[in-house]
């Protein structure tokens, strides 16, 4: 499967690695030249520097050959443009978009975006969704699913701060996906303790979401 990821930073990095590891051909577009080089070098994907909402940039990235496009910009308007261009000009079958304003979810769907992902439940891992990329669904939470995937920042006052992972009693059905430390993505299995400023991506059910949140946030 050929996948084009437009925009995003850590989300793009995690997706690019996950999809590449699962045998998919991945191309990333980003306006951050340094980040594009990082993704290409670190994950062995094709990197294109530029604005993915411009047709000529999409064409340079080989959009006409893509099976799926994922728009990860923090600007809803840009993500909508990317998906509309993907459908109208390049005939890309599957379109994904992040929306930062929950009110835009229905609008995006009405305008033809195949799957709209709420940034309130953004990040990654283990959710089933029919038809689209076999493993993409394993890394992208959907706004109408039962699993919530959240990124937490470890504060000096967080319960988990400077504690070994084995010492923490996690609620049932909770999974730590990975940790971002010093701009590096670390597999959760390799993390012995949580340090202040770590960015921790956790999966939880809606029922235990509040319990997980209290481990990171003191209020």
Protein backbone atom coordinates (compact mmCIF):
# COMPACT_ATOMS: atom_id res chain seq x y z
CA UNK A 1 0.00 0.00 0.00
CA UNK A 2 1.28 3.48 -0.89
CA UNK A 3 0.62 6.10 1.76
CA UNK A 4 1.20 9.85 1.65
CA UNK A 5 1.46 11.69 4.97
CA UNK A 6 1.09 15.48 4.81
CA UNK A 7 2.17 17.69 7.71
CA UNK A 8 2.51 16.80 11.35
CA UNK A 9 5.58 16.18 13.45
CA UNK A 10 5.63 13.45 16.09
CA UNK A 11 2.37 11.97 14.82
CA UNK A 12 3.85 11.85 11.32
CA UNK A 13 7.02 10.27 12.63
CA UNK A 14 5.20 7.54 14.52
CA UNK A 15 2.90 6.76 11.61
CA UNK A 16 5.73 6.75 9.08
CA UNK A 17 7.74 4.29 11.16
CA UNK A 18 4.76 2.06 11.93
CA UNK A 19 3.54 1.89 8.36
CA UNK A 20 7.03 1.36 6.95
CA UNK A 21 7.67 -1.43 9.47
CA UNK A 22 4.47 -3.09 8.31
CA UNK A 23 5.58 -3.16 4.70
CA UNK A 24 3.84 -0.08 3.29
CA UNK A 25 5.52 2.41 0.99
CA UNK A 26 5.46 5.79 2.73
CA UNK A 27 6.06 9.33 1.47
CA UNK A 28 5.95 12.37 3.74
CA UNK A 29 5.42 16.03 2.86
CA UNK A 30 6.29 18.75 5.33
CA UNK A 31 7.03 22.48 5.29
CA UNK A 32 9.72 21.92 7.91
CA UNK A 33 12.79 21.09 5.85
CA UNK A 34 14.79 19.79 8.81
CA UNK A 35 11.94 17.53 9.89
CA UNK A 36 11.51 16.10 6.39
CA UNK A 37 15.18 15.15 6.33
CA UNK A 38 14.87 13.62 9.79
CA UNK A 39 11.89 11.47 8.78
CA UNK A 40 13.52 10.35 5.56
CA UNK A 41 16.81 9.48 7.23
CA UNK A 42 15.40 7.92 10.40
CA UNK A 43 12.59 5.85 8.92
CA UNK A 44 13.81 5.25 5.38
CA UNK A 45 10.79 6.90 3.77
CA UNK A 46 10.60 9.34 0.86
CA UNK A 47 10.59 12.97 2.01
CA UNK A 48 9.29 15.97 0.07
CA UNK A 49 9.80 19.53 1.31
CA UNK A 50 6.91 21.91 0.68
CA UNK A 51 3.30 22.86 1.29
CA UNK A 52 1.12 19.79 0.82
CA UNK A 53 -1.94 21.93 0.08
CA UNK A 54 -0.35 22.92 -3.24
CA UNK A 55 -1.14 20.62 -6.18
CA UNK A 56 2.37 20.77 -7.62
CA UNK A 57 3.86 19.63 -4.31
CA UNK A 58 1.44 16.73 -4.14
CA UNK A 59 2.35 15.86 -7.72
CA UNK A 60 6.07 15.99 -6.87
CA UNK A 61 5.36 13.51 -4.08
CA UNK A 62 3.71 11.10 -6.53
CA UNK A 63 0.15 11.65 -5.29
CA UNK A 64 -1.35 10.11 -8.41
CA UNK A 65 0.13 6.75 -7.38
CA UNK A 66 -1.02 6.84 -3.75
CA UNK A 67 -3.71 4.62 -2.24
CA UNK A 68 -4.21 6.71 0.89
CA UNK A 69 -3.43 10.22 2.06
CA UNK A 70 -3.29 11.36 5.69
CA UNK A 71 -3.51 15.11 6.45
CA UNK A 72 -1.95 15.90 9.84
CA UNK A 73 -1.61 19.69 9.78
CA UNK A 74 -2.70 21.68 12.82
CA UNK A 75 -4.80 23.84 10.49
CA UNK A 76 -8.17 22.33 9.63
CA UNK A 77 -8.51 24.35 6.44
CA UNK A 78 -5.22 23.00 5.10
CA UNK A 79 -6.19 19.43 5.88
CA UNK A 80 -9.49 19.85 4.06
CA UNK A 81 -7.74 21.30 1.00
CA UNK A 82 -5.26 18.41 0.96
CA UNK A 83 -8.04 15.82 1.06
CA UNK A 84 -10.16 17.59 -1.56
CA UNK A 85 -7.20 17.86 -3.93
CA UNK A 86 -6.35 14.22 -3.30
CA UNK A 87 -9.84 13.15 -4.37
CA UNK A 88 -10.52 15.61 -7.18
CA UNK A 89 -7.15 15.87 -8.93
CA UNK A 90 -5.27 12.72 -7.99
CA UNK A 91 -8.12 10.24 -7.48
CA UNK A 92 -6.73 8.96 -4.18
CA UNK A 93 -9.22 6.46 -2.85
CA UNK A 94 -8.82 6.86 0.91
CA UNK A 95 -8.50 10.22 2.67
CA UNK A 96 -7.84 10.84 6.36
CA UNK A 97 -7.82 14.23 8.11
CA UNK A 98 -7.25 15.56 11.59
CA UNK A 99 -9.57 18.30 12.79
CA UNK A 100 -8.66 20.55 15.70
CA UNK A 101 -12.17 21.98 15.97
CA UNK A 102 -14.63 19.15 16.83
CA UNK A 103 -17.37 21.10 15.07
CA UNK A 104 -15.60 20.42 11.77
CA UNK A 105 -15.93 16.63 11.97
CA UNK A 106 -19.37 16.50 10.35
CA UNK A 107 -18.45 19.22 7.85
CA UNK A 108 -15.39 17.32 6.63
CA UNK A 109 -17.40 14.13 6.25
CA UNK A 110 -20.12 15.92 4.31
CA UNK A 111 -17.45 17.31 2.01
CA UNK A 112 -16.21 13.84 1.17
CA UNK A 113 -13.31 13.15 3.53
CA UNK A 114 -13.44 9.41 4.23
CA UNK A 115 -12.28 9.44 7.83
CA UNK A 116 -12.08 12.42 10.17
CA UNK A 117 -10.03 12.16 13.33
CA UNK A 118 -10.65 14.43 16.29
CA UNK A 119 -7.47 15.97 17.70
CA UNK A 120 -9.00 15.60 21.16
CA UNK A 121 -8.37 11.87 20.87
CA UNK A 122 -5.27 12.00 18.72
CA UNK A 123 -2.19 9.94 18.48
CA UNK A 124 -1.82 6.25 17.94
CA UNK A 125 -2.36 2.52 18.27
CA UNK A 126 -4.56 -0.55 18.05
CA UNK A 127 -8.00 0.41 16.75
CA UNK A 128 -9.90 -1.58 14.15
CA UNK A 129 -11.41 0.10 11.08
CA UNK A 130 -12.74 -1.67 8.01
CA UNK A 131 -11.24 -1.66 4.51
CA UNK A 132 -8.50 1.00 4.71
CA UNK A 133 -4.83 0.24 5.13
CA UNK A 134 -4.38 -3.01 7.01
CA UNK A 135 -2.28 -1.53 9.78
CA UNK A 136 -2.95 2.18 9.53
CA UNK A 137 -5.91 1.63 11.80
CA UNK A 138 -3.53 0.23 14.36
CA UNK A 139 -2.01 3.64 14.75
CA UNK A 140 -4.81 6.14 14.24
CA UNK A 141 -7.62 6.60 16.79
CA UNK A 142 -11.07 7.38 15.43
CA UNK A 143 -13.41 9.90 16.97
CA UNK A 144 -16.24 7.39 17.31
CA UNK A 145 -14.30 4.47 18.75
CA UNK A 146 -14.20 3.09 22.29
CA UNK A 147 -10.48 3.61 22.78
CA UNK A 148 -9.00 6.98 23.66
CA UNK A 149 -5.36 7.66 22.82
CA UNK A 150 -3.83 10.63 24.59
CA UNK A 151 -0.45 12.31 24.84
CA UNK A 152 0.50 13.32 28.38
CA UNK A 153 3.46 15.44 29.50
CA UNK A 154 5.16 14.31 32.70
CA UNK A 155 5.35 17.20 35.15
CA UNK A 156 7.46 17.32 38.31
CA UNK A 157 4.18 17.01 40.21
CA UNK A 158 2.91 14.04 38.19
CA UNK A 159 2.44 10.81 40.14
CA UNK A 160 4.51 8.92 37.57
CA UNK A 161 7.45 11.36 37.59
CA UNK A 162 10.76 9.58 38.23
CA UNK A 163 8.97 6.32 39.00
CA UNK A 164 9.95 3.02 37.46
CA UNK A 165 7.30 1.76 35.06
CA UNK A 166 6.94 -1.47 37.04
CA UNK A 167 6.04 0.49 40.17
CA UNK A 168 3.00 2.09 38.58
CA UNK A 169 -0.35 0.37 38.89
CA UNK A 170 -2.08 1.00 35.59
CA UNK A 171 -5.85 0.64 35.21
CA UNK A 172 -7.04 -2.46 33.38
CA UNK A 173 -6.95 -2.26 29.56
CA UNK A 174 -4.39 0.55 29.57
CA UNK A 175 -1.38 0.43 27.23
CA UNK A 176 1.60 2.77 27.00
CA UNK A 177 2.36 3.06 23.28
CA UNK A 178 5.63 5.01 23.34
CA UNK A 179 7.52 7.86 24.99
CA UNK A 180 9.00 10.95 23.33
CA UNK A 181 12.16 12.05 25.12
CA UNK A 182 14.64 14.63 23.82
CA UNK A 183 12.89 14.55 20.42
CA UNK A 184 13.40 10.78 20.19
CA UNK A 185 10.59 8.23 20.05
CA UNK A 186 11.22 5.39 22.49
CA UNK A 187 9.34 2.10 22.48
CA UNK A 188 7.48 1.72 25.78
CA UNK A 189 9.18 -1.62 26.39
CA UNK A 190 12.54 0.17 26.53
CA UNK A 191 11.46 2.78 29.09
CA UNK A 192 12.50 1.93 32.66
CA UNK A 193 11.18 5.11 34.29
CA UNK A 194 9.30 8.26 33.39
CA UNK A 195 11.32 11.46 33.51
CA UNK A 196 10.04 15.00 33.86
CA UNK A 197 9.20 16.46 30.42
CA UNK A 198 8.65 13.01 28.87
CA UNK A 199 5.71 12.95 26.46
CA UNK A 200 3.84 9.72 27.04
CA UNK A 201 1.29 8.31 24.60
CA UNK A 202 -1.23 6.07 26.36
CA UNK A 203 -4.24 4.05 25.19
CA UNK A 204 -7.19 3.64 27.50
CA UNK A 205 -10.85 2.79 27.40
CA UNK A 206 -13.35 5.56 27.94
CA UNK A 207 -14.19 3.97 31.28
CA UNK A 208 -10.67 4.30 32.71
CA UNK A 209 -9.54 7.43 30.88
CA UNK A 210 -9.98 9.67 33.94
CA UNK A 211 -7.99 7.27 36.12
CA UNK A 212 -5.07 7.29 33.68
CA UNK A 213 -5.18 11.08 33.41
CA UNK A 214 -4.84 11.45 37.19
CA UNK A 215 -1.53 9.58 37.07
CA UNK A 216 -0.10 12.40 34.98
CA UNK A 217 -2.08 15.45 36.03
CA UNK A 218 -2.31 16.52 39.66
CA UNK A 219 -5.42 18.69 39.34
